[in-house]
C-alpha atoms as a PDB file:
ATOM      1  CA  MET A   1       1.111  18.485  12.201  1.00  0.00           C
ATOM      2  CA  LYS A   2       3.080  16.467   9.775  1.00  0.00           C
ATOM      3  CA  ASN A   3       1.907  12.786   9.558  1.00  0.00           C
ATOM      4  CA  VAL A   4       4.501  10.697   7.896  1.00  0.00           C
ATOM      5  CA  VAL A   5       2.402   7.708   7.359  1.00  0.00           C
ATOM      6  CA  VAL A   6      -0.443   9.586   6.001  1.00  0.00           C
ATOM      7  CA  GLU A   7       1.599  11.497   3.434  1.00  0.00           C
ATOM      8  CA  LYS A   8       3.704   8.277   2.306  1.00  0.00           C
ATOM      9  CA  SER A   9       0.531   6.321   1.765  1.00  0.00           C
ATOM     10  CA  VAL A  10      -0.381   9.131  -0.620  1.00  0.00           C
ATOM     11  CA  GLU A  11       2.755   9.044  -2.322  1.00  0.00           C
ATOM     12  CA  VAL A  12       2.591   5.177  -2.587  1.00  0.00           C
ATOM     13  CA  ALA A  13      -1.236   5.370  -4.072  1.00  0.00           C
ATOM     14  CA  LEU A  14      -0.130   7.923  -6.697  1.00  0.00           C
ATOM     15  CA  LEU A  15       2.686   5.731  -7.709  1.00  0.00           C
ATOM     16  CA  ILE A  16       0.255   2.885  -7.853  1.00  0.00           C
ATOM     17  CA  ILE A  17      -2.139   4.595 -10.093  1.00  0.00           C
ATOM     18  CA  ASP A  18       0.669   5.631 -12.226  1.00  0.00           C
ATOM     19  CA  TYR A  19       2.110   2.237 -12.490  1.00  0.00           C
ATOM     20  CA  CYS A  20      -1.474   0.466 -13.230  1.00  0.00           C
ATOM     21  CA  GLU A  21      -1.870   3.023 -16.081  1.00  0.00           C
ATOM     22  CA  LEU A  22       1.377   1.798 -17.378  1.00  0.00           C
ATOM     23  CA  LEU A  23      -0.063  -1.887 -17.009  1.00  0.00           C
ATOM     24  CA  GLU A  24      -3.390  -0.939 -18.795  1.00  0.00           C
ATOM     25  CA  THR A  25      -1.388   0.427 -21.816  1.00  0.00           C
ATOM     26  CA  LYS A  26       0.309  -2.903 -22.061  1.00  0.00           C
ATOM     27  CA  LYS A  27      -3.308  -4.533 -21.844  1.00  0.00           C
ATOM     28  CA  LYS A  28      -2.562  -6.089 -18.118  1.00  0.00           C
ATOM     29  CA  PHE A  29      -5.637  -5.598 -17.133  1.00  0.00           C
ATOM     30  CA  VAL A  30      -6.209  -8.415 -14.431  1.00  0.00           C
ATOM     31  CA  ILE A  31      -3.290  -7.512 -12.394  1.00  0.00           C
ATOM     32  CA  SER A  32      -3.684  -3.795 -13.047  1.00  0.00           C
ATOM     33  CA  ARG A  33      -7.186  -3.766 -11.173  1.00  0.00           C
ATOM     34  CA  GLN A  34      -5.870  -5.807  -8.449  1.00  0.00           C
ATOM     35  CA  LEU A  35      -2.858  -3.838  -7.654  1.00  0.00           C
ATOM     36  CA  LEU A  36      -4.864  -0.609  -8.054  1.00  0.00           C
ATOM     37  CA  LYS A  37      -7.682  -1.710  -5.499  1.00  0.00           C
ATOM     38  CA  SER A  38      -5.061  -3.274  -3.042  1.00  0.00           C
ATOM     39  CA  GLY A  39      -2.554  -0.281  -3.366  1.00  0.00           C
ATOM     40  CA  THR A  40      -4.869   2.332  -2.924  1.00  0.00           C
ATOM     41  CA  SER A  41      -6.785   0.678  -0.092  1.00  0.00           C
ATOM     42  CA  ILE A  42      -3.342   0.950   1.933  1.00  0.00           C
ATOM     43  CA  GLY A  43      -3.926   4.912   1.888  1.00  0.00           C
ATOM     44  CA  ALA A  44      -7.481   4.617   2.673  1.00  0.00           C
ATOM     45  CA  ASN A  45      -7.394   2.452   5.739  1.00  0.00           C
ATOM     46  CA  ILE A  46      -4.406   4.478   7.341  1.00  0.00           C
ATOM     47  CA  HIS A  47      -6.561   7.563   6.515  1.00  0.00           C
ATOM     48  CA  GLU A  48      -9.804   6.047   8.049  1.00  0.00           C
ATOM     49  CA  ALA A  49      -7.364   5.130  11.202  1.00  0.00           C
ATOM     50  CA  GLN A  50      -6.509   8.709  11.731  1.00  0.00           C
ATOM     51  CA  ASN A  51     -10.118   9.123  13.047  1.00  0.00           C
ATOM     52  CA  ALA A  52     -10.714   5.765  14.621  1.00  0.00           C
ATOM     53  CA  GLU A  53     -13.232   5.612  17.394  1.00  0.00           C
ATOM     54  CA  SER A  54     -10.827   3.863  19.808  1.00  0.00           C
ATOM     55  CA  ARG A  55      -7.369   2.539  20.052  1.00  0.00           C
ATOM     56  CA  ALA A  56      -8.625  -0.874  19.094  1.00  0.00           C
ATOM     57  CA  ASP A  57     -10.404   0.525  16.101  1.00  0.00           C
ATOM     58  CA  PHE A  58      -6.996   2.417  15.171  1.00  0.00           C
ATOM     59  CA  ILE A  59      -5.036  -0.919  15.464  1.00  0.00           C
ATOM     60  CA  HIS A  60      -7.657  -2.851  13.381  1.00  0.00           C
ATOM     61  CA  LYS A  61      -7.749  -0.277  10.621  1.00  0.00           C
ATOM     62  CA  MET A  62      -3.642  -0.268  10.615  1.00  0.00           C
ATOM     63  CA  LYS A  63      -3.956  -4.050  10.454  1.00  0.00           C
ATOM     64  CA  ILE A  64      -6.470  -3.850   7.588  1.00  0.00           C
ATOM     65  CA  ALA A  65      -3.851  -1.506   5.788  1.00  0.00           C
ATOM     66  CA  ALA A  66      -0.920  -4.044   6.691  1.00  0.00           C
ATOM     67  CA  LYS A  67      -2.863  -6.722   5.038  1.00  0.00           C
ATOM     68  CA  GLU A  68      -3.439  -4.461   1.741  1.00  0.00           C
ATOM     69  CA  LEU A  69       0.160  -3.914   1.865  1.00  0.00           C
ATOM     70  CA  GLU A  70       0.991  -7.165   1.575  1.00  0.00           C
ATOM     71  CA  GLU A  71      -1.222  -8.202  -1.111  1.00  0.00           C
ATOM     72  CA  THR A  72       0.168  -5.029  -3.135  1.00  0.00           C
ATOM     73  CA  LYS A  73       3.759  -6.633  -2.285  1.00  0.00           C
ATOM     74  CA  TYR A  74       2.391  -9.736  -3.881  1.00  0.00           C
ATOM     75  CA  TRP A  75       1.073  -8.195  -6.922  1.00  0.00           C
ATOM     76  CA  LEU A  76       4.383  -6.395  -7.509  1.00  0.00           C
ATOM     77  CA  THR A  77       6.392  -9.401  -6.968  1.00  0.00           C
ATOM     78  CA  LEU A  78       4.225 -10.975 -10.043  1.00  0.00           C
ATOM     79  CA  CYS A  79       5.289  -7.966 -12.334  1.00  0.00           C
ATOM     80  CA  GLU A  80       8.778  -7.988 -11.143  1.00  0.00           C
ATOM     81  CA  GLN A  81       9.229 -11.861 -11.753  1.00  0.00           C
ATOM     82  CA  SER A  82       7.290 -12.185 -14.956  1.00  0.00           C
ATOM     83  CA  LYS A  83       9.036 -11.308 -18.375  1.00  0.00           C
ATOM     84  CA  GLN A  84       6.004  -9.693 -19.759  1.00  0.00           C
ATOM     85  CA  TYR A  85       5.592  -7.222 -16.994  1.00  0.00           C
ATOM     86  CA  PRO A  86       7.462  -3.870 -16.462  1.00  0.00           C
ATOM     87  CA  THR A  87       9.099  -3.350 -13.105  1.00  0.00           C
ATOM     88  CA  ASP A  88       9.034  -0.210 -11.163  1.00  0.00           C
ATOM     89  CA  GLU A  89      11.940  -0.270  -8.722  1.00  0.00           C
ATOM     90  CA  VAL A  90      11.071   2.964  -7.161  1.00  0.00           C
ATOM     91  CA  LEU A  91       7.186   1.872  -6.328  1.00  0.00           C
ATOM     92  CA  ILE A  92       8.721  -1.278  -4.782  1.00  0.00           C
ATOM     93  CA  GLN A  93      10.938   0.580  -2.597  1.00  0.00           C
ATOM     94  CA  LYS A  94       8.413   2.921  -1.676  1.00  0.00           C
ATOM     95  CA  VAL A  95       5.952   0.063  -0.856  1.00  0.00           C
ATOM     96  CA  LYS A  96       8.722  -1.540   1.621  1.00  0.00           C
ATOM     97  CA  GLU A  97       9.211   1.793   3.267  1.00  0.00           C
ATOM     98  CA  LEU A  98       5.623   2.441   4.038  1.00  0.00           C
ATOM     99  CA  GLY A  99       5.329  -1.219   5.062  1.00  0.00           C
ATOM    100  CA  LEU A 100       8.150  -0.641   7.869  1.00  0.00           C
ATOM    101  CA  ILE A 101       6.423   2.389   9.135  1.00  0.00           C
ATOM    102  CA  VAL A 102       2.978   0.770   9.286  1.00  0.00           C
ATOM    103  CA  TYR A 103       4.398  -2.608  10.814  1.00  0.00           C
ATOM    104  CA  LYS A 104       6.190  -0.286  13.450  1.00  0.00           C
ATOM    105  CA  ILE A 105       2.725   1.513  14.267  1.00  0.00           C
ATOM    106  CA  VAL A 106       0.841  -1.541  14.544  1.00  0.00           C
ATOM    107  CA  SER A 107       3.479  -3.384  16.834  1.00  0.00           C
ATOM    108  CA  THR A 108       3.930   0.030  19.051  1.00  0.00           C
ATOM    109  CA  SER A 109       0.247   0.448  19.274  1.00  0.00           C
ATOM    110  CA  ILE A 110      -0.462  -3.112  20.405  1.00  0.00           C
ATOM    111  CA  LYS A 111       2.177  -2.931  23.096  1.00  0.00           C
ATOM    112  CA  LYS A 112       0.689   0.132  24.789  1.00  0.00           C
END
C-alpha cells in the first residue's frame, strides 16, 4: 500500500542531502550540518512512527517529525534571506507540502 507521508519524507530528505552538498561546496558548513540533521530527521521519525507501539507513541513520533520540520524551515529561511546563500525554491515548497501532511496526520490522530 502506498504511504504518501513516507514517500514525501524520503523525497524531501534526498533534496535536503543535495542542497546540503551544494552548501558544503560553498563552504557553508555550519548551516549545512544543522539542516542535514533536522531535514533528514523528519523522515526518520515518520518512518519510526509507522511501527509505533501505540497510538500515543505514533502521535509522539509524528510530533517530533513536526518539530524537526519547523527547524528545517528555520534553516531554509535563513538561507533564503541571506545574500550569501543559495535558495532552493523547490525544496522549500516540498518541505511546506510535507508539513501540511504531517500536521494533518497529527491533528487527526489526536482527535480520534
